[in-house]
Structures are given as structure tokens and as C-alpha cells.
Amino acid sequence: MRCYVVGGAVRDRLLGLPVSDHDWVVVGATVDDMLSRGFRAVGKDFPVFLHPRTHEEYALARTERKTGHGYKGFAFHASPDVTLEEDLARRDLTINAIAEDEHGSLVDPYGGQRDIAARVFRHVSPAFAEDPVRILRLARFAARFSDFVVAPETMALMRQMVDAGEVDHLVAERVWQEISRGLMSERPSRMIEVLRECGALARLLPEVDALFGVPQPAKYHPEVDTGAHLGLVLDAAARRGESLPVRFAALVHDLGKGETPEHILPHHYGHEGRGVALAEAVCERLRVPAECREVGVMTTREHGIVHQAMELRPATMAKLFARCDVLRRPERFEQMLAACACDFYGRPGYDMRDYPQIERLRVGMRAYVGVDAGAIARVLEDKSKIPQAVAEARAAAVADALRAA
């Protein structure tokens, strides 16, 4: 029985990155061997165990055989006669197929150290094509390790997988898991670029793929291309350390521009309204969590008016606050404002510009929520007039606050 650290822990150490978790592969052992040493079995599809003290994962060395479509279509074989090299051969990329023994010696049968030095993502074997999740994983790695490039033969293999319809069998939860992790990486735009290059973006996020090649007015968007703008906005959100809901909002905020009538291009009048149904469709298809869904749809609907905050009439601003339910969900409104700031700063040359719209909206919002609706209701004899009276009082409070600011 021999134990090796494998995968990300070895890769990250070789890259000089901090390592927090270790995954282990065990060669020459059976399930009974592991249980007799106090390990606790947790794997459903194949033998995985938790160490009795460290609680790190230990998996028996295994091989796998494709039995159906998707990432669940595999049969696994784990036994004491499976070698370390056979186990490593089933892994996705060479940089993830390096093992380290208890003495710190590396076992690298597929050239992972070479590819780390060359900053290349390369598949270990043709078996890469058997699991479509690996396309998403590689794209997510590209967002994390943004100085790596995809080996030409690996990109060609991913295109073949897409053409064969493999990504069409991915389950929504797994797609969201990988995309959300990519959004939280150093350069999310690289994930979009890789998915687009291999054709997977058009299958998984056709609404996003449709943005590429669509022009915008150069006066407001020096980058012109809407897809290029999306990448810049995503990377601005990453630089600013924004949360996942804000980054997801950055991803979907301009989807309506993909359906702009050709005769009005490069302008995109009404794209906010067109984008709402598209953002909702993405959320439904990928089963996006509620917080991300709410911030994403709100940002899609309202980012145009937020950008106009310096010119908004108080009554219009008050209606914005009402639509966004700032009385009950002020944190959602703040997340939307953060996404709008990323939209503003996601343009070449805008890094050093001021974006005063956010503070102006906050001034108005504080006045809006400060109105005592109960006090207004108590003095009105005609209760049917309460909603109108409260709305007028809130608009007046916003107006007073903006004048004083």
C-alpha cells in the first residue's frame, strides 16, 4: 500500500502557489485495507475515503471505461493491481497528472512538469474526449492560470467533442459549477474565449456567444465589439474583487444587444428590456442560484438608467428604487450598482474616470427609505390615497436630498 499526493496540490506547489487541500491516490490497497486503518468510505461511484485524522480524501487507484454520454457515463475499476501510471492516465491534463510520494519525489509519466514550464494546457490521452466536463474545466483553468495557452491538439480535440454533441449531455448543475468557478477566477474573460474558440460557448451560452461581432458606438465603447466589452467587464469585476452575483450580472447584463435589430446598429435602443428574457432563460437553463439570478436580471433591466443617474428626475429615481425593492432588499441594489460600475470601467481608457452615479443614487436611496410611510397613512382619512401620497412623499424626499447634495 503506497500513498501519493496527486492533482492540484502538486501542480500548485510547482507553480509556487499556496496549497490548502491535498488529494491522495492509494496504490496496492483494497476497500477492506482502508476500512481496517480507520478510513471512512464516502465515495458513491468509486472507492473514496476520508483520513481518520486529517479528513483529506484518499481514492483507490482506478481505471475507467466509457459506457454512455455525459460525465456520468463511466464504469470504474479499482483494485490493488491498478498502477499509479494507469491511474494518472485517466486524468484530464498533463499538469494535473503528476504525483508526489512520501519522500517528495515526483512521478510524472506524461510530461506535466514540461507543460507547466511552457505554460501549456495539454490533454493526457485521447480519453480526454470521453468526459465533456473537461472542456469546462480547461476553460476554467484558463481563467485561473491566464498565462497558459491551450495546446493546438487539445483545442482540436475539444472542437471534435463539441461537434460530436458531447457537451449537449452535460447536466445544468455541473455546467453552473464550472462556470461559476471560472467567473470567480483571475481573468474570467479567458474562460469565455476558450469556450468560444472550441465552439462550446454557442452550445452552453448561445446568448453570450451572440454578442461577438455585434458593434457598439465607438464614442461610448472604444472596444466597439460587444463580446470584447463583455470580457472587459468580467475582468473589471475580477480586478475589483466582486462577489459571484456581481460577476454573474456582468456576464448577462448586455445579452439584449445580441438581438438588436440590424437596421439600428451600432445603437442598441431598448436592449435592457430585450435582455431580461434572455437573462432569465440562462438562469432557468443553468439553474442559477436565486441571489445570482436576482442581481443578474435586475442589472440587465436597470443598468441603462443607472448610467443616467446624474440626469434622472427625482420621481424617475424613486420609481427605480421601487422597482428594485430597496426597502426590503438594499443589498441587492448595492450589488447591482457594483455590476454597473464594472460595466462602466470595462471600457478601454475608463480606468481613471469618475463614476459619480453610484453616490448620487445612494443619496437618493437614503432619502427614499427614510420616509415614514406609517405616519403618512395615519393622517390620511381616505386610505385609498395612501399609495399615491407615500410615493409623492418619497419623490419629494429624493428631490430635497439631491438638491442638498
Protein backbone atom coordinates (compact mmCIF):
# COMPACT_ATOMS: atom_id res chain seq x y z
CA MET A 1 0.00 0.00 0.00
CA ARG A 2 1.56 3.28 -1.20
CA CYS A 3 0.06 6.76 -0.99
CA TYR A 4 0.75 9.67 -3.35
CA VAL A 5 -0.37 13.29 -3.39
CA VAL A 6 -1.90 13.95 -6.83
CA GLY A 7 -3.54 16.64 -8.91
CA GLY A 8 -3.96 20.26 -7.92
CA ALA A 9 -1.80 20.19 -4.81
CA VAL A 10 1.25 19.05 -6.78
CA ARG A 11 0.51 21.41 -9.67
CA ASP A 12 0.05 24.46 -7.47
CA ARG A 13 3.20 23.74 -5.46
CA LEU A 14 5.19 23.55 -8.69
CA LEU A 15 3.66 26.87 -9.75
CA GLY A 16 4.67 28.46 -6.45
CA LEU A 17 1.06 28.87 -5.34
CA PRO A 18 -0.32 28.20 -1.85
CA VAL A 19 -1.68 24.70 -1.30
CA SER A 20 -4.54 24.23 1.12
CA ASP A 21 -6.03 20.82 0.27
CA HIS A 22 -4.42 17.54 -0.71
CA ASP A 23 -5.94 14.70 -2.69
CA TRP A 24 -4.31 11.30 -2.40
CA VAL A 25 -4.30 8.18 -4.53
CA VAL A 26 -3.65 4.82 -2.89
CA VAL A 27 -1.94 2.03 -4.86
CA GLY A 28 -1.96 -1.61 -3.82
CA ALA A 29 -4.88 -1.49 -1.38
CA THR A 30 -8.43 -2.80 -1.12
CA VAL A 31 -11.54 -1.33 0.44
CA ASP A 32 -11.08 -3.61 3.45
CA ASP A 33 -7.48 -2.41 3.84
CA MET A 34 -8.67 1.20 4.05
CA LEU A 35 -11.52 0.48 6.46
CA SER A 36 -9.24 -1.55 8.73
CA ARG A 37 -6.98 1.50 9.08
CA GLY A 38 -9.84 3.71 10.23
CA PHE A 39 -10.63 5.44 6.92
CA ARG A 40 -14.29 6.34 6.34
CA ALA A 41 -15.82 5.48 2.97
CA VAL A 42 -17.58 8.41 1.24
CA GLY A 43 -17.43 7.64 -2.48
CA LYS A 44 -20.66 6.66 -4.25
CA ASP A 45 -19.37 5.76 -7.70
CA PHE A 46 -15.87 4.56 -6.77
CA PRO A 47 -13.89 3.97 -3.55
CA VAL A 48 -13.01 7.29 -1.89
CA PHE A 49 -12.19 7.58 1.80
CA LEU A 50 -11.58 10.27 4.42
CA HIS A 51 -8.44 10.03 6.52
CA PRO A 52 -9.37 9.41 10.20
CA ARG A 53 -7.35 12.44 11.43
CA THR A 54 -6.75 14.89 8.56
CA HIS A 55 -10.08 14.19 6.79
CA GLU A 56 -8.32 14.55 3.44
CA GLU A 57 -9.59 12.42 0.55
CA TYR A 58 -7.85 9.18 -0.36
CA ALA A 59 -9.02 7.35 -3.51
CA LEU A 60 -8.02 3.87 -4.57
CA ALA A 61 -6.09 3.83 -7.84
CA ARG A 62 -8.58 3.14 -10.61
CA THR A 63 -9.16 2.91 -14.32
CA GLU A 64 -12.35 3.90 -16.10
CA ARG A 65 -14.30 2.86 -19.18
CA LYS A 66 -16.78 4.94 -21.17
CA THR A 67 -20.29 3.45 -21.05
CA GLY A 68 -22.58 6.31 -22.08
CA HIS A 69 -22.97 10.02 -22.79
CA GLY A 70 -22.05 12.79 -20.37
CA TYR A 71 -19.76 12.87 -17.39
CA LYS A 72 -21.66 10.13 -15.55
CA GLY A 73 -21.35 7.61 -18.36
CA PHE A 74 -18.38 5.71 -16.93
CA ALA A 75 -17.63 2.37 -15.32
CA PHE A 76 -14.76 2.35 -12.83
CA HIS A 77 -12.38 -0.42 -11.86
CA ALA A 78 -10.39 -0.14 -8.62
CA SER A 79 -8.18 -2.95 -7.40
CA PRO A 80 -4.71 -3.46 -5.87
CA ASP A 81 -3.23 -4.28 -9.29
CA VAL A 82 -4.05 -0.87 -10.84
CA THR A 83 -0.76 1.02 -11.18
CA LEU A 84 -0.11 4.67 -10.43
CA GLU A 85 0.63 5.32 -14.12
CA GLU A 86 -2.72 3.79 -15.09
CA ASP A 87 -4.50 5.98 -12.58
CA LEU A 88 -2.74 9.13 -13.79
CA ALA A 89 -3.53 8.24 -17.41
CA ARG A 90 -7.27 8.79 -16.83
CA ARG A 91 -6.74 12.41 -15.66
CA ASP A 92 -7.59 15.38 -17.84
CA LEU A 93 -4.45 17.49 -18.30
CA THR A 94 -0.77 16.68 -18.00
CA ILE A 95 -0.34 19.41 -15.37
CA ASN A 96 -2.88 17.53 -13.22
CA ALA A 97 -1.31 14.10 -13.81
CA ILE A 98 1.74 14.46 -11.57
CA ALA A 99 2.08 12.51 -8.33
CA GLU A 100 4.36 13.03 -5.34
CA ASP A 101 5.40 10.27 -2.97
CA GLU A 102 6.02 10.50 0.77
CA HIS A 103 9.67 11.46 0.19
CA GLY A 104 8.81 14.38 -2.12
CA SER A 105 9.84 12.58 -5.31
CA LEU A 106 7.68 13.29 -8.36
CA VAL A 107 6.15 10.72 -10.68
CA ASP A 108 5.43 12.47 -13.98
CA PRO A 109 4.89 9.95 -16.79
CA TYR A 110 3.04 12.34 -19.11
CA GLY A 111 5.20 15.47 -19.12
CA GLY A 112 3.26 17.65 -16.71
CA GLN A 113 6.36 19.48 -15.44
CA ARG A 114 7.36 20.26 -19.02
CA ASP A 115 3.93 21.76 -19.74
CA ILE A 116 3.94 23.76 -16.51
CA ALA A 117 7.26 25.28 -17.55
CA ALA A 118 5.92 26.01 -21.05
CA ARG A 119 2.56 27.28 -19.68
CA VAL A 120 0.54 24.84 -21.83
CA PHE A 121 -2.72 23.02 -21.22
CA ARG A 122 -2.38 19.61 -22.89
CA HIS A 123 -4.61 16.54 -22.58
CA VAL A 124 -3.06 13.39 -21.17
CA SER A 125 -4.60 10.94 -23.63
CA PRO A 126 -7.44 10.58 -26.17
CA ALA A 127 -9.60 9.54 -23.20
CA PHE A 128 -9.99 13.29 -22.53
CA ALA A 129 -12.74 13.22 -25.17
CA GLU A 130 -14.85 10.84 -23.10
CA ASP A 131 -15.82 13.44 -20.48
CA PRO A 132 -17.31 16.76 -21.72
CA VAL A 133 -16.86 18.36 -18.29
CA ARG A 134 -13.17 18.50 -19.13
CA ILE A 135 -13.88 21.24 -21.68
CA LEU A 136 -15.39 23.35 -18.92
CA ARG A 137 -12.59 22.51 -16.52
CA LEU A 138 -9.94 23.53 -19.01
CA ALA A 139 -11.76 26.80 -19.73
CA ARG A 140 -12.00 27.45 -16.01
CA PHE A 141 -8.29 26.71 -15.60
CA ALA A 142 -7.61 29.23 -18.39
CA ALA A 143 -9.39 31.87 -16.30
CA ARG A 144 -7.29 30.97 -13.26
CA PHE A 145 -3.94 30.46 -14.99
CA SER A 146 -4.32 33.21 -17.55
CA ASP A 147 -0.76 32.97 -18.90
CA PHE A 148 -1.30 29.38 -20.07
CA VAL A 149 -2.29 28.57 -23.66
CA VAL A 150 -4.20 25.57 -24.98
CA ALA A 151 -2.14 23.10 -26.98
CA PRO A 152 -3.35 23.06 -30.62
CA GLU A 153 -4.04 19.33 -30.50
CA THR A 154 -6.11 19.75 -27.33
CA MET A 155 -8.16 22.56 -28.86
CA ALA A 156 -8.73 20.39 -31.94
CA LEU A 157 -9.92 17.54 -29.73
CA MET A 158 -12.32 19.83 -27.87
CA ARG A 159 -13.80 21.01 -31.18
CA GLN A 160 -14.35 17.38 -32.16
CA MET A 161 -16.12 16.77 -28.84
CA VAL A 162 -18.41 19.74 -29.41
CA ASP A 163 -19.15 18.68 -32.98
CA ALA A 164 -19.99 15.18 -31.70
CA GLY A 165 -22.60 16.66 -29.36
CA GLU A 166 -20.87 15.64 -26.14
CA VAL A 167 -21.45 18.99 -24.37
CA ASP A 168 -25.17 18.69 -25.09
CA HIS A 169 -25.32 15.92 -22.49
CA LEU A 170 -23.91 18.00 -19.62
CA VAL A 171 -26.23 18.48 -16.67
CA ALA A 172 -27.08 22.04 -15.65
CA GLU A 173 -25.65 21.80 -12.15
CA ARG A 174 -22.22 20.78 -13.40
CA VAL A 175 -22.16 23.48 -16.06
CA TRP A 176 -23.03 26.11 -13.45
CA GLN A 177 -20.46 24.74 -11.02
CA GLU A 178 -17.62 25.14 -13.51
CA ILE A 179 -18.79 28.47 -14.97
CA SER A 180 -19.25 29.99 -11.52
CA ARG A 181 -15.75 28.92 -10.52
CA GLY A 182 -14.39 30.42 -13.71
CA LEU A 183 -16.22 33.68 -13.02
CA MET A 184 -14.51 33.84 -9.62
CA SER A 185 -11.05 33.40 -11.17
CA GLU A 186 -8.37 35.92 -12.02
CA ARG A 187 -9.41 36.56 -15.66
CA PRO A 188 -12.93 35.30 -16.41
CA SER A 189 -12.69 36.54 -19.98
CA ARG A 190 -10.24 33.73 -20.74
CA MET A 191 -12.90 31.15 -19.88
CA ILE A 192 -15.27 32.76 -22.39
CA GLU A 193 -12.52 32.93 -25.02
CA VAL A 194 -11.64 29.23 -24.70
CA LEU A 195 -15.27 28.10 -24.74
CA ARG A 196 -15.91 30.23 -27.80
CA GLU A 197 -12.81 29.01 -29.65
CA CYS A 198 -13.80 25.37 -29.32
CA GLY A 199 -17.47 26.03 -30.10
CA ALA A 200 -18.82 25.12 -26.66
CA LEU A 201 -19.99 28.66 -25.86
CA ALA A 202 -22.57 28.54 -28.66
CA ARG A 203 -23.97 25.31 -27.16
CA LEU A 204 -23.89 26.24 -23.48
CA LEU A 205 -24.41 30.01 -23.55
CA PRO A 206 -25.70 30.92 -27.02
CA GLU A 207 -26.94 34.25 -25.67
CA VAL A 208 -23.36 35.20 -24.78
CA ASP A 209 -21.90 33.81 -28.00
CA ALA A 210 -24.31 36.02 -29.99
CA LEU A 211 -22.63 39.17 -28.62
CA PHE A 212 -19.39 38.64 -30.53
CA GLY A 213 -19.19 40.60 -33.75
CA VAL A 214 -22.01 42.95 -32.75
CA PRO A 215 -20.84 46.62 -32.95
CA GLN A 216 -21.46 49.42 -30.45
CA PRO A 217 -20.95 53.19 -30.82
CA ALA A 218 -17.22 53.89 -30.55
CA LYS A 219 -17.99 57.15 -28.71
CA TYR A 220 -19.09 55.19 -25.64
CA HIS A 221 -17.36 51.88 -26.34
CA PRO A 222 -13.85 52.29 -27.75
CA GLU A 223 -13.62 48.49 -27.91
CA VAL A 224 -16.67 48.54 -30.30
CA ASP A 225 -17.32 44.78 -30.27
CA THR A 226 -19.97 43.81 -27.71
CA GLY A 227 -18.32 40.47 -26.98
CA ALA A 228 -14.99 42.19 -26.35
CA HIS A 229 -16.79 44.57 -23.98
CA LEU A 230 -18.23 41.62 -22.07
CA GLY A 231 -14.74 40.23 -21.47
CA LEU A 232 -13.50 43.60 -20.24
CA VAL A 233 -16.45 43.93 -17.85
CA LEU A 234 -15.87 40.44 -16.44
CA ASP A 235 -12.19 41.20 -15.88
CA ALA A 236 -13.05 44.55 -14.28
CA ALA A 237 -15.29 42.68 -11.83
CA ALA A 238 -12.41 40.32 -11.04
CA ARG A 239 -9.95 43.19 -10.50
CA ARG A 240 -12.41 44.87 -8.16
CA GLY A 241 -12.84 41.66 -6.15
CA GLU A 242 -16.58 41.49 -6.68
CA SER A 243 -18.81 38.68 -5.44
CA LEU A 244 -20.25 35.92 -7.62
CA PRO A 245 -23.69 37.60 -8.02
CA VAL A 246 -21.99 40.77 -9.30
CA ARG A 247 -19.79 38.79 -11.69
CA PHE A 248 -22.78 36.85 -12.98
CA ALA A 249 -24.59 40.15 -13.53
CA ALA A 250 -21.58 41.31 -15.53
CA LEU A 251 -21.90 38.18 -17.66
CA VAL A 252 -25.59 38.67 -18.56
CA HIS A 253 -26.12 42.44 -18.41
CA ASP A 254 -25.81 43.11 -22.16
CA LEU A 255 -27.46 39.99 -23.58
CA GLY A 256 -30.13 42.10 -25.24
CA LYS A 257 -27.53 43.55 -27.61
CA GLY A 258 -27.31 40.18 -29.30
CA GLU A 259 -30.88 40.65 -30.55
CA THR A 260 -30.68 44.31 -31.60
CA PRO A 261 -32.37 44.84 -34.98
CA GLU A 262 -29.69 45.23 -37.61
CA HIS A 263 -31.12 48.45 -39.02
CA ILE A 264 -30.42 50.42 -35.79
CA LEU A 265 -26.86 49.19 -35.25
CA PRO A 266 -24.43 50.24 -33.83
CA HIS A 267 -27.02 51.68 -31.40
CA HIS A 268 -28.86 49.38 -29.02
CA TYR A 269 -32.01 51.23 -28.03
CA GLY A 270 -34.12 49.10 -25.70
CA HIS A 271 -31.51 46.38 -25.24
CA GLU A 272 -32.15 46.34 -21.48
CA GLY A 273 -35.73 45.21 -21.97
CA ARG A 274 -34.78 42.66 -24.63
CA GLY A 275 -32.10 41.29 -22.35
CA VAL A 276 -34.37 40.44 -19.40
CA ALA A 277 -35.96 37.39 -21.03
CA LEU A 278 -32.55 36.20 -22.21
CA ALA A 279 -31.01 36.55 -18.75
CA GLU A 280 -33.96 34.70 -17.25
CA ALA A 281 -33.54 31.93 -19.82
CA VAL A 282 -29.88 31.49 -18.88
CA CYS A 283 -30.81 31.33 -15.20
CA GLU A 284 -33.52 28.76 -15.83
CA ARG A 285 -31.36 26.58 -18.07
CA LEU A 286 -28.35 26.51 -15.73
CA ARG A 287 -30.43 26.52 -12.52
CA VAL A 288 -28.60 29.60 -11.32
CA PRO A 289 -28.93 30.27 -7.56
CA ALA A 290 -31.53 32.85 -6.52
CA GLU A 291 -29.13 35.60 -5.44
CA CYS A 292 -27.22 35.49 -8.73
CA ARG A 293 -30.47 35.33 -10.68
CA GLU A 294 -31.96 38.36 -8.91
CA VAL A 295 -28.88 40.55 -9.27
CA GLY A 296 -28.32 39.45 -12.86
CA VAL A 297 -31.87 40.16 -14.02
CA MET A 298 -32.04 43.47 -12.13
CA THR A 299 -28.75 44.64 -13.62
CA THR A 300 -29.84 43.62 -17.11
CA ARG A 301 -33.08 45.59 -16.74
CA GLU A 302 -31.75 48.69 -14.97
CA HIS A 303 -28.11 49.31 -15.93
CA GLY A 304 -29.04 51.80 -18.63
CA ILE A 305 -30.99 54.02 -16.25
CA VAL A 306 -28.30 53.70 -13.57
CA HIS A 307 -25.76 55.10 -16.03
CA GLN A 308 -28.12 58.08 -16.49
CA ALA A 309 -28.39 58.78 -12.76
CA MET A 310 -26.88 62.26 -12.99
CA GLU A 311 -29.77 63.39 -15.23
CA LEU A 312 -32.67 61.48 -13.64
CA ARG A 313 -35.65 63.37 -12.31
CA PRO A 314 -36.35 62.61 -8.63
CA ALA A 315 -39.66 60.93 -9.48
CA THR A 316 -37.93 58.66 -12.00
CA MET A 317 -35.27 57.81 -9.46
CA ALA A 318 -37.94 56.99 -6.88
CA LYS A 319 -39.61 54.62 -9.37
CA LEU A 320 -36.25 52.92 -9.87
CA PHE A 321 -35.97 52.39 -6.11
CA ALA A 322 -39.48 50.96 -6.02
CA ARG A 323 -38.82 48.50 -8.89
CA CYS A 324 -35.64 47.35 -7.19
CA ASP A 325 -37.37 46.93 -3.81
CA VAL A 326 -34.71 48.89 -1.95
CA LEU A 327 -36.85 48.99 1.18
CA ARG A 328 -36.57 45.24 1.68
CA ARG A 329 -33.51 44.32 -0.41
CA PRO A 330 -30.98 47.16 -0.23
CA GLU A 331 -28.08 44.69 -0.53
CA ARG A 332 -29.34 43.55 -3.94
CA PHE A 333 -29.44 47.17 -5.11
CA GLU A 334 -25.86 47.68 -3.95
CA GLN A 335 -24.76 44.58 -5.84
CA MET A 336 -26.44 45.91 -8.97
CA LEU A 337 -24.62 49.23 -8.54
CA ALA A 338 -21.33 47.34 -8.28
CA ALA A 339 -22.12 45.50 -11.53
CA CYS A 340 -22.95 48.80 -13.24
CA ALA A 341 -19.60 50.20 -12.12
CA CYS A 342 -17.90 47.18 -13.71
CA ASP A 343 -19.85 47.87 -16.89
CA PHE A 344 -18.56 51.46 -16.85
CA TYR A 345 -14.95 50.55 -16.09
CA GLY A 346 -14.99 47.67 -18.58
CA ARG A 347 -14.06 50.03 -21.41
CA PRO A 348 -10.60 50.95 -22.63
CA GLY A 349 -9.39 54.20 -21.09
CA TYR A 350 -12.12 54.41 -18.45
CA ASP A 351 -10.00 53.12 -15.56
CA MET A 352 -9.19 56.58 -14.19
CA ARG A 353 -12.57 58.20 -14.81
CA ASP A 354 -15.05 59.05 -12.09
CA TYR A 355 -18.38 57.26 -11.85
CA PRO A 356 -20.44 59.56 -9.60
CA GLN A 357 -23.73 57.88 -10.47
CA ILE A 358 -23.40 55.42 -7.61
CA GLU A 359 -23.07 58.04 -4.87
CA ARG A 360 -25.92 60.10 -6.34
CA LEU A 361 -28.19 57.07 -6.28
CA ARG A 362 -27.15 56.28 -2.72
CA VAL A 363 -28.05 59.84 -1.64
CA GLY A 364 -31.45 59.43 -3.21
CA MET A 365 -31.94 55.96 -1.78
CA ARG A 366 -31.21 57.08 1.78
CA ALA A 367 -33.85 59.77 1.46
CA TYR A 368 -36.30 57.36 -0.14
CA VAL A 369 -36.07 54.75 2.62
CA GLY A 370 -36.18 57.44 5.30
CA VAL A 371 -39.79 58.38 4.55
CA ASP A 372 -42.18 57.20 7.28
CA ALA A 373 -45.00 55.61 5.32
CA GLY A 374 -46.83 54.71 8.51
CA ALA A 375 -47.01 58.32 9.63
CA ILE A 376 -48.46 59.34 6.28
CA ALA A 377 -51.05 56.57 6.45
CA ARG A 378 -52.18 57.57 9.93
CA VAL A 379 -53.11 61.13 8.96
CA LEU A 380 -54.98 60.27 5.77
CA GLU A 381 -58.71 59.71 6.14
CA ASP A 382 -59.09 58.32 2.63
CA LYS A 383 -56.99 55.17 2.84
CA SER A 384 -57.18 54.62 -0.92
CA LYS A 385 -54.88 57.62 -1.34
CA ILE A 386 -52.10 56.18 0.83
CA PRO A 387 -50.01 54.63 -2.00
CA GLN A 388 -50.03 57.83 -4.04
CA ALA A 389 -49.28 60.01 -1.02
CA VAL A 390 -46.37 57.81 0.06
CA ALA A 391 -44.96 57.77 -3.49
CA GLU A 392 -45.18 61.56 -3.71
CA ALA A 393 -43.53 61.97 -0.30
CA ARG A 394 -40.68 59.69 -1.29
CA ALA A 395 -40.13 61.50 -4.58
CA ALA A 396 -40.13 64.83 -2.71
CA ALA A 397 -37.62 63.50 -0.18
CA VAL A 398 -35.36 62.31 -3.01
CA ALA A 399 -35.62 65.73 -4.67
CA ASP A 400 -34.68 67.54 -1.45
CA ALA A 401 -31.73 65.23 -0.83
CA LEU A 402 -30.39 65.64 -4.37
CA ARG A 403 -30.64 69.43 -4.19
CA ALA A 404 -28.74 69.43 -0.92
CA ALA A 405 -26.02 67.06 -2.11
